[in-house]
Protein backbone atom coordinates (compact mmCIF):
# COMPACT_ATOMS: atom_id res chain seq x y z
CA MET A 1 101.00 -134.02 -10.34
CA PHE A 2 102.69 -136.11 -13.37
CA HIS A 3 104.52 -138.07 -11.48
CA SER A 4 101.20 -140.31 -10.72
CA LEU A 5 100.83 -140.47 -14.80
CA PRO A 6 101.94 -144.16 -16.50
CA GLY A 7 105.25 -143.24 -17.84
CA ARG A 8 105.94 -142.80 -21.39
CA SER A 9 102.33 -144.58 -22.59
CA VAL A 10 100.69 -141.07 -22.10
CA GLY A 11 102.37 -139.53 -24.98
CA SER A 12 105.34 -137.04 -25.60
CA ALA A 13 103.29 -134.00 -26.21
CA TRP A 14 102.73 -131.87 -22.65
CA VAL A 15 101.26 -128.01 -21.88
CA GLU A 16 101.28 -126.70 -18.83
CA LEU A 17 98.83 -124.01 -17.95
CA GLY A 18 100.32 -121.22 -15.53
CA SER A 19 104.05 -122.73 -16.06
CA GLY A 20 105.58 -119.59 -13.98
CA TYR A 21 109.37 -120.20 -14.43
CA GLY A 22 109.16 -123.69 -16.16
CA ARG A 23 110.25 -126.13 -12.92
CA ASP A 24 108.27 -128.68 -13.78
CA LEU A 25 108.77 -128.13 -17.58
CA ARG A 26 112.51 -128.45 -16.95
CA GLU A 27 111.79 -131.40 -15.26
CA LEU A 28 109.89 -132.94 -18.11
CA ARG A 29 112.13 -131.58 -21.11
CA ASP A 30 115.00 -133.31 -19.44
CA ARG A 31 113.06 -136.44 -18.99
CA GLY A 32 112.61 -136.60 -22.90
CA TYR A 33 108.99 -135.03 -23.29
CA SER A 34 107.88 -131.84 -26.06
CA VAL A 35 106.94 -129.47 -23.57
CA ARG A 36 105.17 -126.15 -24.17
CA GLY A 37 104.08 -124.07 -21.38
CA VAL A 38 101.62 -120.44 -20.81
CA ASP A 39 101.72 -117.68 -17.93
CA VAL A 40 101.10 -114.44 -18.29
CA SER A 41 103.99 -113.55 -15.91
CA ARG A 42 106.54 -111.48 -17.95
CA VAL A 43 109.23 -112.06 -14.93
CA GLY A 44 107.89 -115.71 -15.01
CA ILE A 45 108.27 -115.95 -18.81
CA ALA A 46 112.02 -114.28 -19.17
CA LEU A 47 113.47 -116.95 -16.64
CA ALA A 48 111.46 -119.87 -17.91
CA ARG A 49 113.43 -118.91 -21.68
CA LYS A 50 116.51 -118.67 -20.41
CA GLU A 51 116.40 -122.18 -19.32
CA ASP A 52 115.22 -122.18 -23.16
CA LEU A 53 111.81 -123.66 -22.56
CA ARG A 54 109.18 -122.59 -24.85
CA VAL A 55 106.47 -120.67 -22.85
CA GLU A 56 104.47 -118.10 -24.51
CA ARG A 57 103.00 -114.71 -22.78
CA ALA A 58 99.28 -115.35 -23.15
CA HIS A 59 95.95 -116.07 -20.76
CA ALA A 60 95.24 -119.34 -20.86
CA MET A 61 91.51 -119.77 -22.75
CA HIS A 62 93.01 -117.44 -25.43
CA TRP A 63 96.34 -119.43 -25.90
CA LEU A 64 94.09 -122.92 -25.89
CA ALA A 65 91.46 -121.31 -28.16
CA ARG A 66 94.75 -120.45 -30.95
CA ARG A 67 95.54 -124.82 -30.35
CA PRO A 68 94.71 -127.11 -32.73
CA ALA A 69 92.12 -129.69 -31.49
CA ALA A 70 93.79 -133.01 -30.39
CA SER A 71 97.27 -131.24 -30.13
CA ALA A 72 98.40 -132.48 -26.46
CA ASP A 73 98.57 -135.58 -24.79
CA VAL A 74 98.62 -134.24 -21.22
CA VAL A 75 97.57 -130.64 -20.03
CA PHE A 76 98.33 -129.96 -16.34
CA SER A 77 98.42 -127.37 -13.78
CA ASN A 78 99.61 -126.62 -10.11
CA LEU A 79 97.76 -124.59 -8.77
CA PHE A 80 96.54 -122.39 -11.68
CA TYR A 81 92.90 -123.09 -11.35
CA ASN A 82 92.49 -121.53 -7.93
CA MET A 83 93.01 -118.10 -9.53
CA GLU A 84 90.41 -115.79 -9.64
CA PHE A 85 87.77 -117.76 -11.93
CA SER A 86 84.21 -117.90 -12.27
CA GLU A 87 82.77 -121.75 -12.39
CA GLU A 88 81.73 -120.42 -15.63
CA ASP A 89 85.55 -119.44 -16.33
CA HIS A 90 86.63 -123.00 -15.08
CA ARG A 91 84.22 -124.30 -17.48
CA ARG A 92 85.43 -122.44 -20.57
CA LEU A 93 88.99 -123.44 -19.68
CA PHE A 94 87.89 -127.46 -19.17
CA ALA A 95 86.14 -127.25 -22.23
CA ALA A 96 89.11 -125.73 -24.38
CA VAL A 97 91.86 -128.83 -22.04
CA GLU A 98 89.27 -131.35 -23.79
CA ARG A 99 89.44 -129.70 -27.27
CA VAL A 100 93.14 -129.81 -27.44
CA LEU A 101 93.38 -132.98 -25.89
CA VAL A 102 93.89 -136.02 -27.87
CA PRO A 103 91.25 -139.26 -26.81
CA GLY A 104 92.92 -140.65 -24.26
CA GLY A 105 94.61 -137.83 -23.00
CA TYR A 106 95.12 -136.84 -19.96
CA HIS A 107 94.11 -133.79 -17.71
CA GLY A 108 95.99 -133.33 -14.20
CA TYR A 109 95.52 -130.48 -11.77
CA SER A 110 95.91 -129.78 -8.34
CA THR A 111 94.01 -126.93 -6.93
CA ARG A 112 93.51 -125.74 -2.95
CA SER A 113 90.77 -127.62 -1.43
CA THR A 114 87.95 -126.24 0.73
CA LEU A 115 89.66 -128.46 3.38
CA ASP A 116 92.29 -125.97 3.16
CA PRO A 117 93.40 -124.07 6.67
CA TRP A 118 92.59 -120.58 4.34
CA TYR A 119 89.36 -121.73 3.29
CA GLY A 120 86.89 -118.95 4.52
CA LYS A 121 89.05 -117.04 5.37
CA GLY A 122 89.18 -113.30 4.13
CA VAL A 123 86.31 -111.62 2.29
CA ARG A 124 83.92 -114.00 0.13
CA VAL A 125 83.66 -112.49 -3.33
CA GLY A 126 81.86 -115.45 -4.85
CA PRO A 127 81.23 -119.04 -4.53
CA ALA A 128 83.96 -120.69 -2.81
CA THR A 129 86.11 -117.42 -3.80
CA TYR A 130 87.72 -115.23 -1.32
CA ASP A 131 89.96 -112.28 -1.35
CA LEU A 132 93.04 -113.23 1.15
CA ARG A 133 94.81 -109.80 0.85
CA PRO A 134 97.04 -108.63 2.14
CA ASP A 135 98.35 -112.15 3.24
CA GLY A 136 97.60 -113.40 -0.07
CA PRO A 137 95.77 -113.51 -3.37
CA VAL A 138 91.90 -113.83 -4.71
CA MET A 139 91.43 -117.66 -4.20
CA HIS A 140 88.95 -119.89 -5.90
CA PHE A 141 88.94 -122.97 -3.25
CA PHE A 142 87.66 -126.56 -4.93
CA SER A 143 86.12 -129.33 -3.36
CA ARG A 144 85.75 -132.60 -4.84
CA ALA A 145 82.17 -132.71 -5.81
CA TYR A 146 82.96 -129.23 -7.67
CA ALA A 147 85.82 -130.99 -9.47
CA ARG A 148 83.26 -133.45 -10.80
CA ARG A 149 80.70 -131.28 -12.13
CA LEU A 150 83.97 -129.57 -13.85
CA ARG A 151 84.52 -132.92 -15.60
CA ARG A 152 81.13 -134.54 -15.89
CA GLY A 153 80.49 -135.35 -19.95
CA ARG A 154 83.89 -134.25 -20.69
CA PHE A 155 86.33 -136.59 -18.77
CA ARG A 156 86.79 -139.82 -16.90
CA ARG A 157 88.45 -139.87 -13.15
CA ILE A 158 91.37 -141.63 -12.40
CA ARG A 159 92.79 -140.42 -9.37
CA GLU A 160 91.99 -138.00 -7.24
CA TRP A 161 93.06 -137.32 -3.44
CA GLU A 162 94.08 -134.83 -1.17
CA GLY A 163 97.14 -133.93 1.16
CA PRO A 164 98.73 -131.20 3.13
CA GLU A 165 101.76 -129.35 0.83
CA ASP A 166 103.18 -126.37 2.46
CA GLN A 167 104.12 -125.80 6.33
CA GLY A 168 104.87 -122.86 8.15
CA ARG A 169 102.92 -119.80 8.23
CA PHE A 170 101.00 -120.49 5.18
CA PRO A 171 99.80 -124.74 5.26
CA THR A 172 98.31 -125.84 2.46
CA ARG A 173 95.47 -128.61 1.84
CA VAL A 174 95.44 -129.37 -1.95
CA LEU A 175 93.27 -131.64 -3.90
CA TYR A 176 94.90 -133.57 -6.81
CA VAL A 177 92.77 -134.43 -9.55
CA LEU A 178 94.08 -136.88 -12.40
CA GLU A 179 91.50 -137.06 -15.07
CA ARG A 180 90.97 -139.03 -18.79
CA LYS A 181 89.90 -137.78 -22.09
CA PRO A 182 87.39 -140.89 -23.03
CA LEU A 183 88.56 -142.12 -26.20
CA ARG A 184 85.02 -141.58 -27.50
CA ARG A 185 82.38 -139.96 -26.80
CA GLU A 186 80.28 -141.69 -23.77
CA ARG A 187 76.47 -141.10 -23.44
CA ASP A 188 76.90 -141.38 -19.74
CA ASP A 189 80.29 -140.55 -17.85
CA PRO A 190 80.72 -142.57 -14.82
CA ASP A 191 83.90 -141.39 -12.69
CA VAL A 192 86.27 -144.83 -12.94
CA THR A 193 89.05 -145.95 -10.64
CA PRO A 194 91.39 -148.53 -12.65
């Protein structure tokens, strides 16, 4: 995801939601960025800390609420929003991300798409949300229309694309979204593609 951002001009303070053991944080730190992560997994955090990465154990919503406004240049996540979140949870998370991003800051994420082969499998537990056990967790899949609803009034689309990510027994189709907080609040908020 972060490979599609336009170089150093995006700023130096990066935050990853659902950072796991810190694979992406490590790569970004090695490129010279200031990075922080948040995750709930004790094991993932312990592994990240062995790499001297700043990862805090907390629910992302609570962690974002404690951050000062306009304190991050980039907030990103990889498959984090696919967790068992409701639409209201997503709206609150996106509002919290908007609050901590500087004007012009980037929000980039990837999610399993409604075009994913696992969409509609298992037991439906909510809109676009399925319990995939025993093969996987409860997962909220994203459509492009859903991503558009979540960003409306908060972010402007820069780029959005879909593609396969894994092969084998658990192939995935992922929606990648890169959006930007406007420099100033706009009355209408059309998606833009440069």
